[in-house]
Structure formats: C-alpha cells, structure tokens
Amino acid sequence: MLRVAQAVEAENADNPHIHGMLAFGYEQMHDLRQAEISARRALSLKTKEPWAQHALAHVMLGTGRVAEGVEFLGEAQKTWVDLNSFMYTHNWWHKALFHISQGDNTAVFDAYDNHVWGIEPDYSQDQVGAVSLLARMEIAGMDVGNRWEDVARYMKVRVTDTTLPFLTLQYLYGLARADYAEADHLMQAVEDKAARSTDFDRLVWQEVALPAARGVLAHARGNAAEAVRWLSVANPRLSEIGGSHAQRDLFGQLLLDAHLKAGNWQVAAQMLEMRRTWDPDGVPVNRALAEARSHLLGSVA
C-alpha cells in the first residue's frame, strides 16, 4: 500500500484519498509520526476521509492517546454516512476499543449493538469485526449474553472457508464460542489446508495458521493450557496471516488471557507491563495486572 501510494504521491498532492492510503501504510510500517502527518494532511483536504480517520485512530491507539481517540472519533463519526459497511463498522470498532480501555462498558455495548454488528451480517469483514470485538469484551470482563449465537449463525456457511487465515481464525473462534459443531469441521478444514497447501502459502498455513487455529479453538473452549501452548508458537509470526496490527492484537490478548486463566502469573504480569507501554491507563489492563501482582505477592508470602 505504501509503495503504491508513494508512486503517485507527487501527482496527487491535493488528493485526500492518497494521503489516507499513505497514512495507513506508514502506520503499518510503524512510522507513526509520518502516519499522523499524512492522515492530518488528508483530513485538511477533506473532513470526510474515513480511511485517514481510521489511520489516525490506529496511531492514537498505538500511542496510548485513548481520551483523544474517543474525542476524535466522536467528532469524526458525524461524517460516517453513505459508507460501505466495512468502513462504517470498522471505524466504530476502533471507537469501541478506546471505550474498552476506558472501562466504559455502556459505550462499548452501544457501539457493538448499534454500529459494529447487524449492518451487513453476511459480509466477512463485519463478521470478524463482531467476533474480535466480542472476544475483547469478554476478556475485559463483560457478559455478552447470547451475542455469540447471533453472529455464529451467519458464519455457519464458513465451515470450509480457508481463503485467508486471518479470517478463518476468527470464524473458528466465533463458531466455537457459540458451541457450534461447525467449529470442528472448520478446524479439520484448516488441518487439511495445512497438509495440502502449495509452496506459495504452505509455510503460513503449516507453521502459523495451524497452531493459531489450535490455540484459538482451545481458548474458546476453556482449555487455557492448550491455548498457551499453541498461541505461543503462532503469535510471533502472526503478521504473515493478514490483518492490521490492531486486528491481530486479538490473538495477543487471547494468549495473555490464557496465561491468566492458567495461573501463569509471572508471564502474564510481564505481558501486561508491556501492554501498559501503549495503554498505560487501560482499565482492563491495570485490573488484570493488579490481579497478577496479588498472586505473585501471595506466592512469595
């Protein structure tokens, strides 16, 4: 994305869409300063530039600017009209992440129920957005009621969908959380895909997607030890499966949650301290860290 946008940047200096593309490309390359410059350039040219708003939300999320992110997206959402379902639901998804950090559960449920899920429920991107937000909500301690069932019934058709591992892993998690038998069939499809993949995608399916699938399925079914085992193998290479930094963070959160549930307090505390470097005031993060520290102090005593 960055190379393509840079190739035409000089001829499109006043094109807000190009600057929005540049912003997201820079963010994914971890050049957050330049990402913000490009995003703000795009927004100076066109206030309603949702991809630039999205890129700036990434920057704010990655730098712990949670209150600023809520304020920025709260103003930006006034322009989220006549968008495709992905751009609409995904920007609301980003806003919900800031609300999770703040511990504002009411705002999270409002975002999910009214803006993230139900816009185009047959669409893959809306489905994985719902799955990843529900998972984060549960990790943060929220009771999501029967919402898994509502999403999973639309994903039953994904039972053999191994088009893209990033999507497949989230279909698998959602089907398993709803306790659908289709989760086992999709897990078998992942096993088969890993066994028969061509040279082009063999390594990512065998060495990343397969252990990740085993890990997310274990987590969804409450087997923390197995989730730790398999997600620890997959997570260092998750950039190979697709998705953005913020989206793939789901799997890091699942691994962290599995360590907490397995009672691996030392490892969990280290992971939480690392997470605090970009979410220093996060309510769920600090609550979990206090729990881990309490157990560690108790074990010393």
C-alpha atoms as a PDB file:
ATOM      1  CA  MET A   1       0.000   0.000   0.000  1.00  0.00           C
ATOM      2  CA  LEU A   2       2.755   2.424   0.918  1.00  0.00           C
ATOM      3  CA  ARG A   3       4.771   1.778  -2.244  1.00  0.00           C
ATOM      4  CA  VAL A   4       1.730   2.150  -4.479  1.00  0.00           C
ATOM      5  CA  ALA A   5       0.645   5.390  -2.839  1.00  0.00           C
ATOM      6  CA  GLN A   6       4.164   6.839  -2.868  1.00  0.00           C
ATOM      7  CA  ALA A   7       4.454   6.088  -6.592  1.00  0.00           C
ATOM      8  CA  VAL A   8       1.647   8.529  -7.382  1.00  0.00           C
ATOM      9  CA  GLU A   9       2.015  10.921  -4.448  1.00  0.00           C
ATOM     10  CA  ALA A  10       3.768  13.698  -6.371  1.00  0.00           C
ATOM     11  CA  GLU A  11       0.983  13.871  -8.963  1.00  0.00           C
ATOM     12  CA  ASN A  12      -1.748  13.752  -6.301  1.00  0.00           C
ATOM     13  CA  ALA A  13      -0.632  16.241  -3.691  1.00  0.00           C
ATOM     14  CA  ASP A  14      -4.186  17.526  -3.243  1.00  0.00           C
ATOM     15  CA  ASN A  15      -5.879  14.126  -3.290  1.00  0.00           C
ATOM     16  CA  PRO A  16      -7.079  13.258   0.241  1.00  0.00           C
ATOM     17  CA  HIS A  17      -7.513   9.576  -0.611  1.00  0.00           C
ATOM     18  CA  ILE A  18      -3.820   9.204  -1.470  1.00  0.00           C
ATOM     19  CA  HIS A  19      -2.798  10.768   1.831  1.00  0.00           C
ATOM     20  CA  GLY A  20      -5.187   8.438   3.648  1.00  0.00           C
ATOM     21  CA  MET A  21      -3.549   5.453   1.955  1.00  0.00           C
ATOM     22  CA  LEU A  22      -0.114   6.801   2.809  1.00  0.00           C
ATOM     23  CA  ALA A  23      -1.138   7.292   6.432  1.00  0.00           C
ATOM     24  CA  PHE A  24      -2.235   3.695   6.888  1.00  0.00           C
ATOM     25  CA  GLY A  25       0.806   2.366   5.062  1.00  0.00           C
ATOM     26  CA  TYR A  26       3.131   4.373   7.294  1.00  0.00           C
ATOM     27  CA  GLU A  27       1.273   3.200  10.407  1.00  0.00           C
ATOM     28  CA  GLN A  28       1.600  -0.444   9.433  1.00  0.00           C
ATOM     29  CA  MET A  29       5.336   0.146   8.937  1.00  0.00           C
ATOM     30  CA  HIS A  30       5.460   1.614  12.480  1.00  0.00           C
ATOM     31  CA  ASP A  31       6.294   5.119  11.246  1.00  0.00           C
ATOM     32  CA  LEU A  32       3.630   6.680  13.464  1.00  0.00           C
ATOM     33  CA  ARG A  33       4.903  10.245  13.143  1.00  0.00           C
ATOM     34  CA  GLN A  34       4.659  10.243   9.361  1.00  0.00           C
ATOM     35  CA  ALA A  35       1.358   8.366   9.536  1.00  0.00           C
ATOM     36  CA  GLU A  36      -0.152  11.145  11.593  1.00  0.00           C
ATOM     37  CA  ILE A  37       1.222  13.831   9.279  1.00  0.00           C
ATOM     38  CA  SER A  38      -0.308  12.104   6.249  1.00  0.00           C
ATOM     39  CA  ALA A  39      -3.629  11.480   7.991  1.00  0.00           C
ATOM     40  CA  ARG A  40      -3.954  15.083   9.076  1.00  0.00           C
ATOM     41  CA  ARG A  41      -2.999  16.252   5.587  1.00  0.00           C
ATOM     42  CA  ALA A  42      -5.812  14.125   4.157  1.00  0.00           C
ATOM     43  CA  LEU A  43      -8.297  15.470   6.695  1.00  0.00           C
ATOM     44  CA  SER A  44      -7.252  19.048   5.975  1.00  0.00           C
ATOM     45  CA  LEU A  45      -8.215  18.425   2.351  1.00  0.00           C
ATOM     46  CA  LYS A  46     -11.428  16.552   3.131  1.00  0.00           C
ATOM     47  CA  THR A  47     -13.006  16.239   6.572  1.00  0.00           C
ATOM     48  CA  LYS A  48     -14.928  13.161   5.485  1.00  0.00           C
ATOM     49  CA  GLU A  49     -11.987  10.926   4.633  1.00  0.00           C
ATOM     50  CA  PRO A  50     -12.753   7.742   6.612  1.00  0.00           C
ATOM     51  CA  TRP A  51      -9.542   5.913   5.719  1.00  0.00           C
ATOM     52  CA  ALA A  52      -7.481   8.785   7.104  1.00  0.00           C
ATOM     53  CA  GLN A  53      -9.685   8.863  10.204  1.00  0.00           C
ATOM     54  CA  HIS A  54      -9.075   5.141  10.512  1.00  0.00           C
ATOM     55  CA  ALA A  55      -5.303   5.538  10.181  1.00  0.00           C
ATOM     56  CA  LEU A  56      -5.249   8.265  12.810  1.00  0.00           C
ATOM     57  CA  ALA A  57      -7.280   6.034  15.138  1.00  0.00           C
ATOM     58  CA  HIS A  58      -4.528   3.422  14.718  1.00  0.00           C
ATOM     59  CA  VAL A  59      -1.884   5.980  15.628  1.00  0.00           C
ATOM     60  CA  MET A  60      -3.766   7.097  18.730  1.00  0.00           C
ATOM     61  CA  LEU A  61      -4.409   3.503  19.800  1.00  0.00           C
ATOM     62  CA  GLY A  62      -0.758   2.609  19.378  1.00  0.00           C
ATOM     63  CA  THR A  63       0.445   5.600  21.393  1.00  0.00           C
ATOM     64  CA  GLY A  64      -1.983   5.373  24.309  1.00  0.00           C
ATOM     65  CA  ARG A  65      -3.938   8.505  23.391  1.00  0.00           C
ATOM     66  CA  VAL A  66      -7.218   6.946  24.449  1.00  0.00           C
ATOM     67  CA  ALA A  67      -9.165  10.015  25.594  1.00  0.00           C
ATOM     68  CA  GLU A  68      -8.020  11.879  22.490  1.00  0.00           C
ATOM     69  CA  GLY A  69      -9.093   8.930  20.365  1.00  0.00           C
ATOM     70  CA  VAL A  70     -12.592   8.931  21.836  1.00  0.00           C
ATOM     71  CA  GLU A  71     -12.895  12.666  21.255  1.00  0.00           C
ATOM     72  CA  PHE A  72     -11.510  12.496  17.729  1.00  0.00           C
ATOM     73  CA  LEU A  73     -13.701   9.598  16.609  1.00  0.00           C
ATOM     74  CA  GLY A  74     -16.688  11.066  18.424  1.00  0.00           C
ATOM     75  CA  GLU A  75     -16.413  14.085  16.155  1.00  0.00           C
ATOM     76  CA  ALA A  76     -15.475  12.049  13.076  1.00  0.00           C
ATOM     77  CA  GLN A  77     -18.489   9.742  13.407  1.00  0.00           C
ATOM     78  CA  LYS A  78     -20.731  12.610  12.314  1.00  0.00           C
ATOM     79  CA  THR A  79     -19.279  12.109   8.832  1.00  0.00           C
ATOM     80  CA  TRP A  80     -19.801   8.322   8.706  1.00  0.00           C
ATOM     81  CA  VAL A  81     -22.722   8.386   6.310  1.00  0.00           C
ATOM     82  CA  ASP A  82     -23.017   6.721   2.912  1.00  0.00           C
ATOM     83  CA  LEU A  83     -20.052   4.443   3.658  1.00  0.00           C
ATOM     84  CA  ASN A  84     -19.754   0.766   2.827  1.00  0.00           C
ATOM     85  CA  SER A  85     -20.442  -1.495   5.789  1.00  0.00           C
ATOM     86  CA  PHE A  86     -16.781  -2.294   6.425  1.00  0.00           C
ATOM     87  CA  MET A  87     -15.666   1.317   6.660  1.00  0.00           C
ATOM     88  CA  TYR A  88     -18.632   2.221   8.859  1.00  0.00           C
ATOM     89  CA  THR A  89     -18.463  -0.770  11.193  1.00  0.00           C
ATOM     90  CA  HIS A  90     -14.680  -0.822  11.347  1.00  0.00           C
ATOM     91  CA  ASN A  91     -14.350   2.808  12.413  1.00  0.00           C
ATOM     92  CA  TRP A  92     -16.965   2.152  15.091  1.00  0.00           C
ATOM     93  CA  TRP A  93     -14.947  -0.950  16.061  1.00  0.00           C
ATOM     94  CA  HIS A  94     -11.942   1.302  16.623  1.00  0.00           C
ATOM     95  CA  LYS A  95     -14.004   3.652  18.749  1.00  0.00           C
ATOM     96  CA  ALA A  96     -15.148   0.677  20.832  1.00  0.00           C
ATOM     97  CA  LEU A  97     -11.510  -0.274  21.525  1.00  0.00           C
ATOM     98  CA  PHE A  98     -10.930   3.116  23.112  1.00  0.00           C
ATOM     99  CA  HIS A  99     -14.065   2.681  25.213  1.00  0.00           C
ATOM    100  CA  ILE A 100     -12.835  -0.747  26.381  1.00  0.00           C
ATOM    101  CA  SER A 101      -9.606   0.853  27.535  1.00  0.00           C
ATOM    102  CA  GLN A 102     -11.573   3.479  29.453  1.00  0.00           C
ATOM    103  CA  GLY A 103     -13.759   0.863  31.099  1.00  0.00           C
ATOM    104  CA  ASP A 104     -16.855   2.464  29.577  1.00  0.00           C
ATOM    105  CA  ASN A 105     -18.856  -0.728  29.085  1.00  0.00           C
ATOM    106  CA  THR A 106     -22.073   1.098  28.231  1.00  0.00           C
ATOM    107  CA  ALA A 107     -20.396   2.826  25.281  1.00  0.00           C
ATOM    108  CA  VAL A 108     -18.857  -0.473  24.156  1.00  0.00           C
ATOM    109  CA  PHE A 109     -22.225  -2.248  24.088  1.00  0.00           C
ATOM    110  CA  ASP A 110     -23.778   0.708  22.266  1.00  0.00           C
ATOM    111  CA  ALA A 111     -21.052   0.580  19.622  1.00  0.00           C
ATOM    112  CA  TYR A 112     -21.390  -3.180  19.181  1.00  0.00           C
ATOM    113  CA  ASP A 113     -25.178  -3.421  19.165  1.00  0.00           C
ATOM    114  CA  ASN A 114     -25.917  -0.374  17.044  1.00  0.00           C
ATOM    115  CA  HIS A 115     -22.906   0.150  14.806  1.00  0.00           C
ATOM    116  CA  VAL A 116     -20.498  -2.813  14.625  1.00  0.00           C
ATOM    117  CA  TRP A 117     -22.863  -5.765  14.215  1.00  0.00           C
ATOM    118  CA  GLY A 118     -26.007  -6.047  12.143  1.00  0.00           C
ATOM    119  CA  ILE A 119     -25.224  -3.644   9.316  1.00  0.00           C
ATOM    120  CA  GLU A 120     -24.365  -6.347   6.759  1.00  0.00           C
ATOM    121  CA  PRO A 121     -24.181  -9.600   8.752  1.00  0.00           C
ATOM    122  CA  ASP A 122     -23.427 -11.829   5.760  1.00  0.00           C
ATOM    123  CA  TYR A 123     -20.238  -9.881   4.984  1.00  0.00           C
ATOM    124  CA  SER A 124     -16.957 -11.457   6.099  1.00  0.00           C
ATOM    125  CA  GLN A 125     -15.422  -8.241   7.415  1.00  0.00           C
ATOM    126  CA  ASP A 126     -18.474  -7.417   9.513  1.00  0.00           C
ATOM    127  CA  GLN A 127     -18.440 -10.952  10.897  1.00  0.00           C
ATOM    128  CA  VAL A 128     -14.810 -10.899  12.002  1.00  0.00           C
ATOM    129  CA  GLY A 129     -15.225  -7.388  13.374  1.00  0.00           C
ATOM    130  CA  ALA A 130     -18.029  -8.664  15.571  1.00  0.00           C
ATOM    131  CA  VAL A 131     -16.060 -11.750  16.638  1.00  0.00           C
ATOM    132  CA  SER A 132     -12.959  -9.801  17.563  1.00  0.00           C
ATOM    133  CA  LEU A 133     -14.920  -7.180  19.481  1.00  0.00           C
ATOM    134  CA  LEU A 134     -16.963  -9.761  21.403  1.00  0.00           C
ATOM    135  CA  ALA A 135     -13.759 -11.586  22.340  1.00  0.00           C
ATOM    136  CA  ARG A 136     -12.172  -8.387  23.605  1.00  0.00           C
ATOM    137  CA  MET A 137     -15.325  -7.560  25.541  1.00  0.00           C
ATOM    138  CA  GLU A 138     -15.246 -10.924  27.295  1.00  0.00           C
ATOM    139  CA  ILE A 139     -11.538 -10.609  28.056  1.00  0.00           C
ATOM    140  CA  ALA A 140     -12.322  -7.221  29.609  1.00  0.00           C
ATOM    141  CA  GLY A 141     -14.893  -8.899  31.860  1.00  0.00           C
ATOM    142  CA  MET A 142     -18.146  -8.094  30.057  1.00  0.00           C
ATOM    143  CA  ASP A 143     -21.020 -10.555  29.829  1.00  0.00           C
ATOM    144  CA  VAL A 144     -22.013 -10.566  26.157  1.00  0.00           C
ATOM    145  CA  GLY A 145     -25.095 -12.740  26.650  1.00  0.00           C
ATOM    146  CA  ASN A 146     -26.329 -14.546  23.533  1.00  0.00           C
ATOM    147  CA  ARG A 147     -24.417 -12.358  21.091  1.00  0.00           C
ATOM    148  CA  TRP A 148     -22.091 -15.200  20.055  1.00  0.00           C
ATOM    149  CA  GLU A 149     -25.075 -17.208  18.843  1.00  0.00           C
ATOM    150  CA  ASP A 150     -26.330 -14.276  16.803  1.00  0.00           C
ATOM    151  CA  VAL A 151     -23.027 -13.898  14.963  1.00  0.00           C
ATOM    152  CA  ALA A 152     -22.260 -17.604  14.604  1.00  0.00           C
ATOM    153  CA  ARG A 153     -25.478 -18.428  12.782  1.00  0.00           C
ATOM    154  CA  TYR A 154     -24.283 -16.218   9.936  1.00  0.00           C
ATOM    155  CA  MET A 155     -20.865 -17.898   9.945  1.00  0.00           C
ATOM    156  CA  LYS A 156     -22.090 -21.482   9.623  1.00  0.00           C
ATOM    157  CA  VAL A 157     -21.525 -21.138   5.877  1.00  0.00           C
ATOM    158  CA  ARG A 158     -17.820 -20.504   6.594  1.00  0.00           C
ATOM    159  CA  VAL A 159     -17.349 -24.120   7.660  1.00  0.00           C
ATOM    160  CA  THR A 160     -14.817 -24.804   4.857  1.00  0.00           C
ATOM    161  CA  ASP A 161     -13.597 -21.225   4.304  1.00  0.00           C
ATOM    162  CA  THR A 162      -9.810 -21.212   4.315  1.00  0.00           C
ATOM    163  CA  THR A 163      -9.424 -18.350   1.861  1.00  0.00           C
ATOM    164  CA  LEU A 164      -7.416 -16.173   4.240  1.00  0.00           C
ATOM    165  CA  PRO A 165      -6.048 -17.378   7.592  1.00  0.00           C
ATOM    166  CA  PHE A 166      -6.764 -14.062   9.309  1.00  0.00           C
ATOM    167  CA  LEU A 167     -10.472 -14.502   8.570  1.00  0.00           C
ATOM    168  CA  THR A 168     -10.560 -18.250   9.151  1.00  0.00           C
ATOM    169  CA  LEU A 169      -9.163 -17.987  12.679  1.00  0.00           C
ATOM    170  CA  GLN A 170     -11.907 -15.588  13.691  1.00  0.00           C
ATOM    171  CA  TYR A 171     -14.659 -17.646  12.094  1.00  0.00           C
ATOM    172  CA  LEU A 172     -13.300 -20.584  14.068  1.00  0.00           C
ATOM    173  CA  TYR A 173     -13.274 -18.698  17.341  1.00  0.00           C
ATOM    174  CA  GLY A 174     -16.799 -17.365  16.886  1.00  0.00           C
ATOM    175  CA  LEU A 175     -18.249 -20.753  15.939  1.00  0.00           C
ATOM    176  CA  ALA A 176     -16.550 -22.373  18.916  1.00  0.00           C
ATOM    177  CA  ARG A 177     -17.711 -19.700  21.379  1.00  0.00           C
ATOM    178  CA  ALA A 178     -21.261 -20.338  20.190  1.00  0.00           C
ATOM    179  CA  ASP A 179     -20.636 -24.076  20.725  1.00  0.00           C
ATOM    180  CA  TYR A 180     -21.413 -24.898  17.107  1.00  0.00           C
ATOM    181  CA  ALA A 181     -20.271 -28.241  15.714  1.00  0.00           C
ATOM    182  CA  GLU A 182     -19.160 -26.340  12.615  1.00  0.00           C
ATOM    183  CA  ALA A 183     -16.097 -25.264  14.606  1.00  0.00           C
ATOM    184  CA  ASP A 184     -14.765 -28.827  14.482  1.00  0.00           C
ATOM    185  CA  HIS A 185     -15.441 -29.030  10.757  1.00  0.00           C
ATOM    186  CA  LEU A 186     -13.616 -25.754  10.165  1.00  0.00           C
ATOM    187  CA  MET A 187     -10.712 -26.931  12.308  1.00  0.00           C
ATOM    188  CA  GLN A 188     -10.497 -30.006  10.092  1.00  0.00           C
ATOM    189  CA  ALA A 189     -10.538 -27.755   7.035  1.00  0.00           C
ATOM    190  CA  VAL A 190      -7.542 -25.875   8.481  1.00  0.00           C
ATOM    191  CA  GLU A 191      -5.728 -29.179   9.089  1.00  0.00           C
ATOM    192  CA  ASP A 192      -6.441 -30.207   5.501  1.00  0.00           C
ATOM    193  CA  LYS A 193      -5.357 -26.839   4.117  1.00  0.00           C
ATOM    194  CA  ALA A 194      -2.069 -27.026   6.011  1.00  0.00           C
ATOM    195  CA  ALA A 195      -1.454 -30.537   4.700  1.00  0.00           C
ATOM    196  CA  ARG A 196      -2.158 -29.812   1.047  1.00  0.00           C
ATOM    197  CA  SER A 197      -1.032 -26.197   0.615  1.00  0.00           C
ATOM    198  CA  THR A 198       1.217 -25.277  -2.268  1.00  0.00           C
ATOM    199  CA  ASP A 199       4.644 -23.713  -1.886  1.00  0.00           C
ATOM    200  CA  PHE A 200       3.084 -20.242  -2.095  1.00  0.00           C
ATOM    201  CA  ASP A 201       1.179 -20.477   1.171  1.00  0.00           C
ATOM    202  CA  ARG A 202       2.440 -23.740   2.686  1.00  0.00           C
ATOM    203  CA  LEU A 203       4.548 -22.196   5.436  1.00  0.00           C
ATOM    204  CA  VAL A 204       1.946 -19.752   6.670  1.00  0.00           C
ATOM    205  CA  TRP A 205      -0.731 -22.451   6.942  1.00  0.00           C
ATOM    206  CA  GLN A 206       1.510 -25.134   8.417  1.00  0.00           C
ATOM    207  CA  GLU A 207       3.649 -23.024  10.741  1.00  0.00           C
ATOM    208  CA  VAL A 208       1.391 -20.111  11.695  1.00  0.00           C
ATOM    209  CA  ALA A 209      -2.289 -20.632  10.902  1.00  0.00           C
ATOM    210  CA  LEU A 210      -2.482 -24.250  12.092  1.00  0.00           C
ATOM    211  CA  PRO A 211      -1.017 -23.669  15.565  1.00  0.00           C
ATOM    212  CA  ALA A 212      -3.008 -20.436  15.833  1.00  0.00           C
ATOM    213  CA  ALA A 213      -6.210 -22.311  14.993  1.00  0.00           C
ATOM    214  CA  ARG A 214      -5.475 -24.923  17.621  1.00  0.00           C
ATOM    215  CA  GLY A 215      -4.817 -22.132  20.092  1.00  0.00           C
ATOM    216  CA  VAL A 216      -7.960 -20.111  19.433  1.00  0.00           C
ATOM    217  CA  LEU A 217     -10.111 -23.242  19.491  1.00  0.00           C
ATOM    218  CA  ALA A 218      -8.594 -24.234  22.840  1.00  0.00           C
ATOM    219  CA  HIS A 219      -9.191 -20.764  24.265  1.00  0.00           C
ATOM    220  CA  ALA A 220     -12.775 -20.662  23.029  1.00  0.00           C
ATOM    221  CA  ARG A 221     -13.432 -23.981  24.762  1.00  0.00           C
ATOM    222  CA  GLY A 222     -11.781 -23.029  28.028  1.00  0.00           C
ATOM    223  CA  ASN A 223      -8.571 -25.042  27.707  1.00  0.00           C
ATOM    224  CA  ALA A 224      -6.101 -22.393  28.842  1.00  0.00           C
ATOM    225  CA  ALA A 225      -3.010 -24.622  28.881  1.00  0.00           C
ATOM    226  CA  GLU A 226      -3.515 -25.731  25.275  1.00  0.00           C
ATOM    227  CA  ALA A 227      -4.255 -22.161  24.233  1.00  0.00           C
ATOM    228  CA  VAL A 228      -0.956 -21.038  25.771  1.00  0.00           C
ATOM    229  CA  ARG A 229       0.896 -23.882  24.072  1.00  0.00           C
ATOM    230  CA  TRP A 230      -0.308 -23.183  20.546  1.00  0.00           C
ATOM    231  CA  LEU A 231      -0.707 -19.416  20.580  1.00  0.00           C
ATOM    232  CA  SER A 232       2.842 -19.071  21.925  1.00  0.00           C
ATOM    233  CA  VAL A 233       4.035 -20.852  18.780  1.00  0.00           C
ATOM    234  CA  ALA A 234       1.946 -18.798  16.368  1.00  0.00           C
ATOM    235  CA  ASN A 235       1.928 -15.277  17.787  1.00  0.00           C
ATOM    236  CA  PRO A 236       5.490 -14.188  16.901  1.00  0.00           C
ATOM    237  CA  ARG A 237       4.682 -14.726  13.208  1.00  0.00           C
ATOM    238  CA  LEU A 238       1.096 -13.510  13.012  1.00  0.00           C
ATOM    239  CA  SER A 239       1.990 -10.680  10.635  1.00  0.00           C
ATOM    240  CA  GLU A 240       2.057 -13.408   7.970  1.00  0.00           C
ATOM    241  CA  ILE A 241      -1.668 -14.193   8.226  1.00  0.00           C
ATOM    242  CA  GLY A 242      -3.061 -10.807   7.160  1.00  0.00           C
ATOM    243  CA  GLY A 243      -4.930  -8.083   9.006  1.00  0.00           C
ATOM    244  CA  SER A 244      -3.567  -4.992  10.733  1.00  0.00           C
ATOM    245  CA  HIS A 245      -1.607  -4.562  13.956  1.00  0.00           C
ATOM    246  CA  ALA A 246      -4.758  -3.619  15.840  1.00  0.00           C
ATOM    247  CA  GLN A 247      -6.738  -6.529  14.430  1.00  0.00           C
ATOM    248  CA  ARG A 248      -4.033  -9.126  15.130  1.00  0.00           C
ATOM    249  CA  ASP A 249      -3.753  -7.867  18.689  1.00  0.00           C
ATOM    250  CA  LEU A 250      -6.790 -10.054  19.350  1.00  0.00           C
ATOM    251  CA  PHE A 251      -4.524 -13.098  19.338  1.00  0.00           C
ATOM    252  CA  GLY A 252      -2.089 -11.454  21.730  1.00  0.00           C
ATOM    253  CA  GLN A 253      -4.992 -10.746  24.055  1.00  0.00           C
ATOM    254  CA  LEU A 254      -6.185 -14.351  23.810  1.00  0.00           C
ATOM    255  CA  LEU A 255      -2.704 -15.571  24.727  1.00  0.00           C
ATOM    256  CA  LEU A 256      -2.498 -13.160  27.643  1.00  0.00           C
ATOM    257  CA  ASP A 257      -5.946 -14.189  28.853  1.00  0.00           C
ATOM    258  CA  ALA A 258      -4.942 -17.853  28.595  1.00  0.00           C
ATOM    259  CA  HIS A 259      -1.864 -17.210  30.758  1.00  0.00           C
ATOM    260  CA  LEU A 260      -4.058 -15.500  33.346  1.00  0.00           C
ATOM    261  CA  LYS A 261      -6.560 -18.358  33.350  1.00  0.00           C
ATOM    262  CA  ALA A 262      -3.761 -20.913  33.570  1.00  0.00           C
ATOM    263  CA  GLY A 263      -2.325 -19.094  36.577  1.00  0.00           C
ATOM    264  CA  ASN A 264       0.926 -18.205  34.819  1.00  0.00           C
ATOM    265  CA  TRP A 265       1.145 -15.014  36.842  1.00  0.00           C
ATOM    266  CA  GLN A 266       4.788 -14.160  36.166  1.00  0.00           C
ATOM    267  CA  VAL A 267       4.424 -14.368  32.399  1.00  0.00           C
ATOM    268  CA  ALA A 268       1.070 -12.588  32.488  1.00  0.00           C
ATOM    269  CA  ALA A 269       2.479  -9.747  34.589  1.00  0.00           C
ATOM    270  CA  GLN A 270       5.314  -9.245  32.121  1.00  0.00           C
ATOM    271  CA  MET A 271       2.906  -9.218  29.185  1.00  0.00           C
ATOM    272  CA  LEU A 272       0.635  -6.754  30.971  1.00  0.00           C
ATOM    273  CA  GLU A 273       3.526  -4.433  31.769  1.00  0.00           C
ATOM    274  CA  MET A 274       4.462  -4.480  28.099  1.00  0.00           C
ATOM    275  CA  ARG A 275       0.859  -3.735  27.143  1.00  0.00           C
ATOM    276  CA  ARG A 276       0.879  -0.758  29.508  1.00  0.00           C
ATOM    277  CA  THR A 277       3.564   0.877  27.351  1.00  0.00           C
ATOM    278  CA  TRP A 278       0.826   1.699  24.809  1.00  0.00           C
ATOM    279  CA  ASP A 279      -2.223   1.501  27.077  1.00  0.00           C
ATOM    280  CA  PRO A 280      -0.911   2.905  30.366  1.00  0.00           C
ATOM    281  CA  ASP A 281      -4.291   3.861  31.826  1.00  0.00           C
ATOM    282  CA  GLY A 282      -6.284   0.968  30.390  1.00  0.00           C
ATOM    283  CA  VAL A 283      -8.853  -0.154  32.950  1.00  0.00           C
ATOM    284  CA  PRO A 284      -8.892  -3.878  31.995  1.00  0.00           C
ATOM    285  CA  VAL A 285      -5.095  -3.958  31.678  1.00  0.00           C
ATOM    286  CA  ASN A 286      -4.464  -2.430  35.069  1.00  0.00           C
ATOM    287  CA  ARG A 287      -7.148  -4.558  36.710  1.00  0.00           C
ATOM    288  CA  ALA A 288      -5.548  -7.735  35.341  1.00  0.00           C
ATOM    289  CA  LEU A 289      -2.088  -6.532  36.350  1.00  0.00           C
ATOM    290  CA  ALA A 290      -3.283  -5.920  39.906  1.00  0.00           C
ATOM    291  CA  GLU A 291      -4.632  -9.486  39.985  1.00  0.00           C
ATOM    292  CA  ALA A 292      -1.376 -10.939  38.697  1.00  0.00           C
ATOM    293  CA  ARG A 293       0.696  -8.949  41.160  1.00  0.00           C
ATOM    294  CA  SER A 294      -1.575 -10.026  44.011  1.00  0.00           C
ATOM    295  CA  HIS A 295      -0.999 -13.678  43.169  1.00  0.00           C
ATOM    296  CA  LEU A 296       2.731 -13.152  42.795  1.00  0.00           C
ATOM    297  CA  LEU A 297       2.944 -11.410  46.169  1.00  0.00           C
ATOM    298  CA  GLY A 298       0.860 -14.176  47.721  1.00  0.00           C
ATOM    299  CA  SER A 299       3.183 -16.830  46.367  1.00  0.00           C
ATOM    300  CA  VAL A 300       6.189 -15.025  47.851  1.00  0.00           C
ATOM    301  CA  ALA A 301       4.479 -14.686  51.226  1.00  0.00           C
END
